[in-house]
Amino acid sequence: MKNKLLLVMAVLTLVGCTTTQKGATIGGLGGATVGGIIGHQTGNDLTGAAIGGAVGTVGGMLIGEHMDKKFCPVCGSEFTSDVKYCPKDGTELKYKQ
């Protein structure tokens, strides 16, 4: 029951987040999980989870930030995902691949 409650809370937390925030959260949770497993095998549960969580958060944030960018195919300028058209030339922006 406790695990289901944590899962529901995690999903509700992510609903209104930006891509960068989602990436950081998911990366942090994944890193903490893997770090906790590795730490458990070496006898350092909390240290492993903390290091894994920190590394996962930074990695997820960087990936999420990259995914949150759009660019203008005409002039090459980059913008955040909330901008739909290039303010310089009016071209519809595309997501970076």
N, C-alpha and C. Protein backbone atom coordinates (compact mmCIF):
# COMPACT_ATOMS: atom_id res chain seq x y z
N MET A 1 0.83 -1.20 0.00
CA MET A 1 0.00 0.00 0.00
C MET A 1 0.87 1.26 0.00
N LYS A 2 1.95 1.23 0.78
CA LYS A 2 2.83 2.39 0.87
C LYS A 2 3.48 2.70 -0.49
N ASN A 3 3.88 1.64 -1.22
CA ASN A 3 4.50 1.83 -2.53
C ASN A 3 3.52 2.44 -3.53
N LYS A 4 2.27 2.01 -3.47
CA LYS A 4 1.26 2.55 -4.38
C LYS A 4 1.01 4.03 -4.09
N LEU A 5 1.00 4.38 -2.82
CA LEU A 5 0.81 5.77 -2.44
C LEU A 5 1.97 6.63 -2.93
N LEU A 6 3.18 6.14 -2.81
CA LEU A 6 4.35 6.87 -3.31
C LEU A 6 4.29 7.03 -4.83
N LEU A 7 3.86 6.00 -5.52
CA LEU A 7 3.74 6.07 -6.98
C LEU A 7 2.70 7.11 -7.39
N VAL A 8 1.56 7.12 -6.75
CA VAL A 8 0.51 8.10 -7.05
C VAL A 8 1.02 9.51 -6.78
N MET A 9 1.72 9.70 -5.67
CA MET A 9 2.26 11.03 -5.35
C MET A 9 3.29 11.47 -6.39
N ALA A 10 4.12 10.55 -6.86
CA ALA A 10 5.13 10.88 -7.87
C ALA A 10 4.46 11.29 -9.18
N VAL A 11 3.43 10.56 -9.58
CA VAL A 11 2.72 10.89 -10.83
C VAL A 11 2.05 12.25 -10.72
N LEU A 12 1.39 12.52 -9.61
CA LEU A 12 0.73 13.82 -9.43
C LEU A 12 1.74 14.97 -9.38
N THR A 13 2.91 14.71 -8.86
CA THR A 13 3.94 15.73 -8.80
C THR A 13 4.43 16.09 -10.19
N LEU A 14 4.51 15.13 -11.09
CA LEU A 14 5.06 15.35 -12.43
C LEU A 14 4.07 15.96 -13.41
N VAL A 15 2.79 15.98 -13.10
CA VAL A 15 1.76 16.38 -14.06
C VAL A 15 1.99 17.79 -14.61
N GLY A 16 2.29 18.78 -13.80
CA GLY A 16 2.42 20.15 -14.28
C GLY A 16 3.85 20.61 -14.49
N CYS A 17 4.80 19.72 -14.54
CA CYS A 17 6.21 20.10 -14.62
C CYS A 17 6.68 20.31 -16.06
N THR A 18 7.76 21.08 -16.18
CA THR A 18 8.40 21.23 -17.49
C THR A 18 9.18 19.97 -17.81
N THR A 19 9.64 19.86 -19.03
CA THR A 19 10.43 18.70 -19.44
C THR A 19 11.70 18.59 -18.62
N THR A 20 12.33 19.72 -18.33
CA THR A 20 13.55 19.72 -17.52
C THR A 20 13.28 19.20 -16.12
N GLN A 21 12.19 19.66 -15.52
CA GLN A 21 11.85 19.21 -14.17
C GLN A 21 11.49 17.73 -14.15
N LYS A 22 10.76 17.28 -15.16
CA LYS A 22 10.41 15.86 -15.25
C LYS A 22 11.67 15.02 -15.40
N GLY A 23 12.58 15.46 -16.27
CA GLY A 23 13.83 14.73 -16.47
C GLY A 23 14.65 14.65 -15.20
N ALA A 24 14.71 15.75 -14.47
CA ALA A 24 15.46 15.76 -13.21
C ALA A 24 14.83 14.83 -12.18
N THR A 25 13.51 14.84 -12.09
CA THR A 25 12.82 13.99 -11.12
C THR A 25 12.98 12.52 -11.46
N ILE A 26 12.74 12.18 -12.70
CA ILE A 26 12.85 10.78 -13.11
C ILE A 26 14.29 10.30 -13.01
N GLY A 27 15.24 11.15 -13.44
CA GLY A 27 16.65 10.79 -13.32
C GLY A 27 17.08 10.62 -11.88
N GLY A 28 16.60 11.51 -11.02
CA GLY A 28 16.93 11.41 -9.60
C GLY A 28 16.40 10.15 -8.96
N LEU A 29 15.14 9.83 -9.26
CA LEU A 29 14.54 8.61 -8.70
C LEU A 29 15.24 7.35 -9.21
N GLY A 30 15.50 7.35 -10.52
CA GLY A 30 16.20 6.19 -11.10
C GLY A 30 17.61 6.05 -10.56
N GLY A 31 18.32 7.19 -10.47
CA GLY A 31 19.67 7.15 -9.93
C GLY A 31 19.71 6.73 -8.48
N ALA A 32 18.76 7.21 -7.68
CA ALA A 32 18.71 6.83 -6.27
C ALA A 32 18.41 5.34 -6.12
N THR A 33 17.55 4.83 -6.98
CA THR A 33 17.23 3.40 -6.94
C THR A 33 18.45 2.55 -7.26
N VAL A 34 19.11 2.87 -8.38
CA VAL A 34 20.29 2.11 -8.77
C VAL A 34 21.41 2.29 -7.73
N GLY A 35 21.61 3.53 -7.27
CA GLY A 35 22.63 3.77 -6.25
C GLY A 35 22.34 3.03 -4.95
N GLY A 36 21.07 2.96 -4.58
CA GLY A 36 20.69 2.22 -3.38
C GLY A 36 20.95 0.73 -3.52
N ILE A 37 20.69 0.18 -4.70
CA ILE A 37 20.95 -1.24 -4.93
C ILE A 37 22.45 -1.52 -4.86
N ILE A 38 23.23 -0.69 -5.55
CA ILE A 38 24.68 -0.88 -5.53
C ILE A 38 25.22 -0.64 -4.12
N GLY A 39 24.72 0.41 -3.47
CA GLY A 39 25.15 0.69 -2.10
C GLY A 39 24.81 -0.43 -1.14
N HIS A 40 23.67 -1.06 -1.33
CA HIS A 40 23.25 -2.17 -0.46
C HIS A 40 24.23 -3.33 -0.58
N GLN A 41 24.71 -3.58 -1.79
CA GLN A 41 25.64 -4.68 -2.00
C GLN A 41 27.00 -4.42 -1.36
N THR A 42 27.33 -3.14 -1.19
CA THR A 42 28.62 -2.80 -0.58
C THR A 42 28.47 -2.40 0.88
N GLY A 43 27.24 -2.40 1.39
CA GLY A 43 27.00 -2.05 2.78
C GLY A 43 26.82 -0.57 3.04
N ASN A 44 26.63 0.22 2.00
CA ASN A 44 26.45 1.68 2.12
C ASN A 44 25.16 2.12 1.44
N ASP A 45 24.04 1.64 1.94
CA ASP A 45 22.74 1.90 1.31
C ASP A 45 22.48 3.38 1.06
N LEU A 46 22.51 4.18 2.11
CA LEU A 46 22.15 5.59 1.99
C LEU A 46 23.15 6.39 1.18
N THR A 47 24.43 6.10 1.36
CA THR A 47 25.45 6.81 0.59
C THR A 47 25.29 6.52 -0.90
N GLY A 48 25.07 5.27 -1.24
CA GLY A 48 24.87 4.90 -2.65
C GLY A 48 23.64 5.55 -3.23
N ALA A 49 22.55 5.59 -2.47
CA ALA A 49 21.31 6.21 -2.94
C ALA A 49 21.50 7.71 -3.12
N ALA A 50 22.21 8.35 -2.19
CA ALA A 50 22.43 9.79 -2.29
C ALA A 50 23.29 10.15 -3.50
N ILE A 51 24.36 9.41 -3.70
CA ILE A 51 25.24 9.68 -4.85
C ILE A 51 24.50 9.38 -6.15
N GLY A 52 23.81 8.25 -6.21
CA GLY A 52 23.05 7.89 -7.40
C GLY A 52 21.95 8.90 -7.70
N GLY A 53 21.27 9.37 -6.65
CA GLY A 53 20.22 10.37 -6.83
C GLY A 53 20.75 11.68 -7.36
N ALA A 54 21.90 12.12 -6.84
CA ALA A 54 22.49 13.37 -7.30
C ALA A 54 22.93 13.28 -8.76
N VAL A 55 23.61 12.20 -9.09
CA VAL A 55 24.07 12.01 -10.48
C VAL A 55 22.88 11.87 -11.41
N GLY A 56 21.87 11.10 -11.01
CA GLY A 56 20.68 10.93 -11.84
C GLY A 56 19.92 12.22 -12.04
N THR A 57 19.85 13.06 -11.01
CA THR A 57 19.15 14.34 -11.12
C THR A 57 19.84 15.25 -12.12
N VAL A 58 21.15 15.36 -12.01
CA VAL A 58 21.90 16.22 -12.94
C VAL A 58 21.77 15.70 -14.37
N GLY A 59 21.94 14.40 -14.55
CA GLY A 59 21.82 13.82 -15.89
C GLY A 59 20.43 14.00 -16.47
N GLY A 60 19.41 13.73 -15.66
CA GLY A 60 18.04 13.89 -16.14
C GLY A 60 17.70 15.33 -16.46
N MET A 61 18.23 16.24 -15.66
CA MET A 61 17.99 17.67 -15.90
C MET A 61 18.62 18.11 -17.23
N LEU A 62 19.83 17.66 -17.48
CA LEU A 62 20.51 18.03 -18.73
C LEU A 62 19.78 17.46 -19.95
N ILE A 63 19.34 16.23 -19.85
CA ILE A 63 18.60 15.62 -20.95
C ILE A 63 17.25 16.31 -21.14
N GLY A 64 16.54 16.57 -20.04
CA GLY A 64 15.26 17.25 -20.12
C GLY A 64 15.38 18.65 -20.68
N GLU A 65 16.45 19.35 -20.30
CA GLU A 65 16.67 20.71 -20.80
C GLU A 65 16.91 20.69 -22.30
N HIS A 66 17.65 19.71 -22.77
CA HIS A 66 17.90 19.59 -24.22
C HIS A 66 16.61 19.29 -24.97
N MET A 67 15.74 18.48 -24.38
CA MET A 67 14.48 18.12 -25.03
C MET A 67 13.49 19.27 -25.02
N ASP A 68 13.69 20.24 -24.15
CA ASP A 68 12.76 21.35 -23.97
C ASP A 68 13.03 22.50 -24.94
N LYS A 69 13.94 22.35 -25.87
CA LYS A 69 14.32 23.44 -26.77
C LYS A 69 13.69 23.27 -28.14
N LYS A 70 13.35 24.42 -28.74
CA LYS A 70 12.89 24.46 -30.12
C LYS A 70 13.86 25.34 -30.90
N PHE A 71 13.87 25.18 -32.21
CA PHE A 71 14.73 26.02 -33.04
C PHE A 71 13.97 26.48 -34.28
N CYS A 72 14.46 27.56 -34.85
CA CYS A 72 13.89 28.08 -36.09
C CYS A 72 14.66 27.46 -37.25
N PRO A 73 13.97 26.75 -38.16
CA PRO A 73 14.67 26.13 -39.29
C PRO A 73 15.21 27.16 -40.29
N VAL A 74 14.74 28.40 -40.21
CA VAL A 74 15.20 29.42 -41.15
C VAL A 74 16.46 30.13 -40.63
N CYS A 75 16.39 30.68 -39.41
CA CYS A 75 17.52 31.46 -38.90
C CYS A 75 18.39 30.69 -37.91
N GLY A 76 17.91 29.54 -37.42
CA GLY A 76 18.70 28.71 -36.52
C GLY A 76 18.66 29.13 -35.05
N SER A 77 17.89 30.15 -34.69
CA SER A 77 17.81 30.59 -33.30
C SER A 77 17.10 29.54 -32.45
N GLU A 78 17.50 29.44 -31.17
CA GLU A 78 16.88 28.50 -30.24
C GLU A 78 15.97 29.21 -29.26
N PHE A 79 14.88 28.52 -28.89
CA PHE A 79 13.90 29.07 -27.96
C PHE A 79 13.40 27.97 -27.04
N THR A 80 12.73 28.35 -25.95
CA THR A 80 12.12 27.37 -25.07
C THR A 80 10.86 26.82 -25.73
N SER A 81 10.35 25.72 -25.19
CA SER A 81 9.23 25.03 -25.83
C SER A 81 7.92 25.82 -25.81
N ASP A 82 7.81 26.85 -24.98
CA ASP A 82 6.57 27.61 -24.93
C ASP A 82 6.42 28.59 -26.09
N VAL A 83 7.49 28.85 -26.83
CA VAL A 83 7.44 29.76 -27.98
C VAL A 83 7.05 28.94 -29.21
N LYS A 84 6.04 29.39 -29.96
CA LYS A 84 5.55 28.63 -31.11
C LYS A 84 6.12 29.12 -32.44
N TYR A 85 6.29 30.45 -32.56
CA TYR A 85 6.79 31.03 -33.80
C TYR A 85 8.03 31.87 -33.53
N CYS A 86 8.94 31.89 -34.47
CA CYS A 86 10.17 32.66 -34.34
C CYS A 86 9.83 34.15 -34.33
N PRO A 87 10.24 34.88 -33.29
CA PRO A 87 9.95 36.32 -33.23
C PRO A 87 10.73 37.12 -34.27
N LYS A 88 11.77 36.53 -34.84
CA LYS A 88 12.58 37.24 -35.84
C LYS A 88 11.96 37.18 -37.23
N ASP A 89 11.46 35.98 -37.62
CA ASP A 89 10.96 35.85 -38.99
C ASP A 89 9.58 35.19 -39.10
N GLY A 90 8.96 34.82 -37.97
CA GLY A 90 7.59 34.28 -37.99
C GLY A 90 7.47 32.83 -38.38
N THR A 91 8.57 32.14 -38.57
CA THR A 91 8.55 30.73 -38.95
C THR A 91 8.14 29.85 -37.76
N GLU A 92 7.34 28.82 -38.01
CA GLU A 92 6.97 27.91 -36.94
C GLU A 92 8.20 27.16 -36.46
N LEU A 93 8.39 27.11 -35.13
CA LEU A 93 9.56 26.47 -34.55
C LEU A 93 9.42 24.96 -34.52
N LYS A 94 10.53 24.26 -34.57
CA LYS A 94 10.58 22.79 -34.54
C LYS A 94 11.34 22.36 -33.29
N TYR A 95 11.00 21.19 -32.77
CA TYR A 95 11.75 20.62 -31.62
C TYR A 95 13.09 20.10 -32.11
N LYS A 96 14.10 20.23 -31.24
CA LYS A 96 15.41 19.67 -31.55
C LYS A 96 15.33 18.15 -31.45
N GLN A 97 16.01 17.48 -32.29
CA GLN A 97 16.02 16.01 -32.30
C GLN A 97 17.10 15.48 -31.41
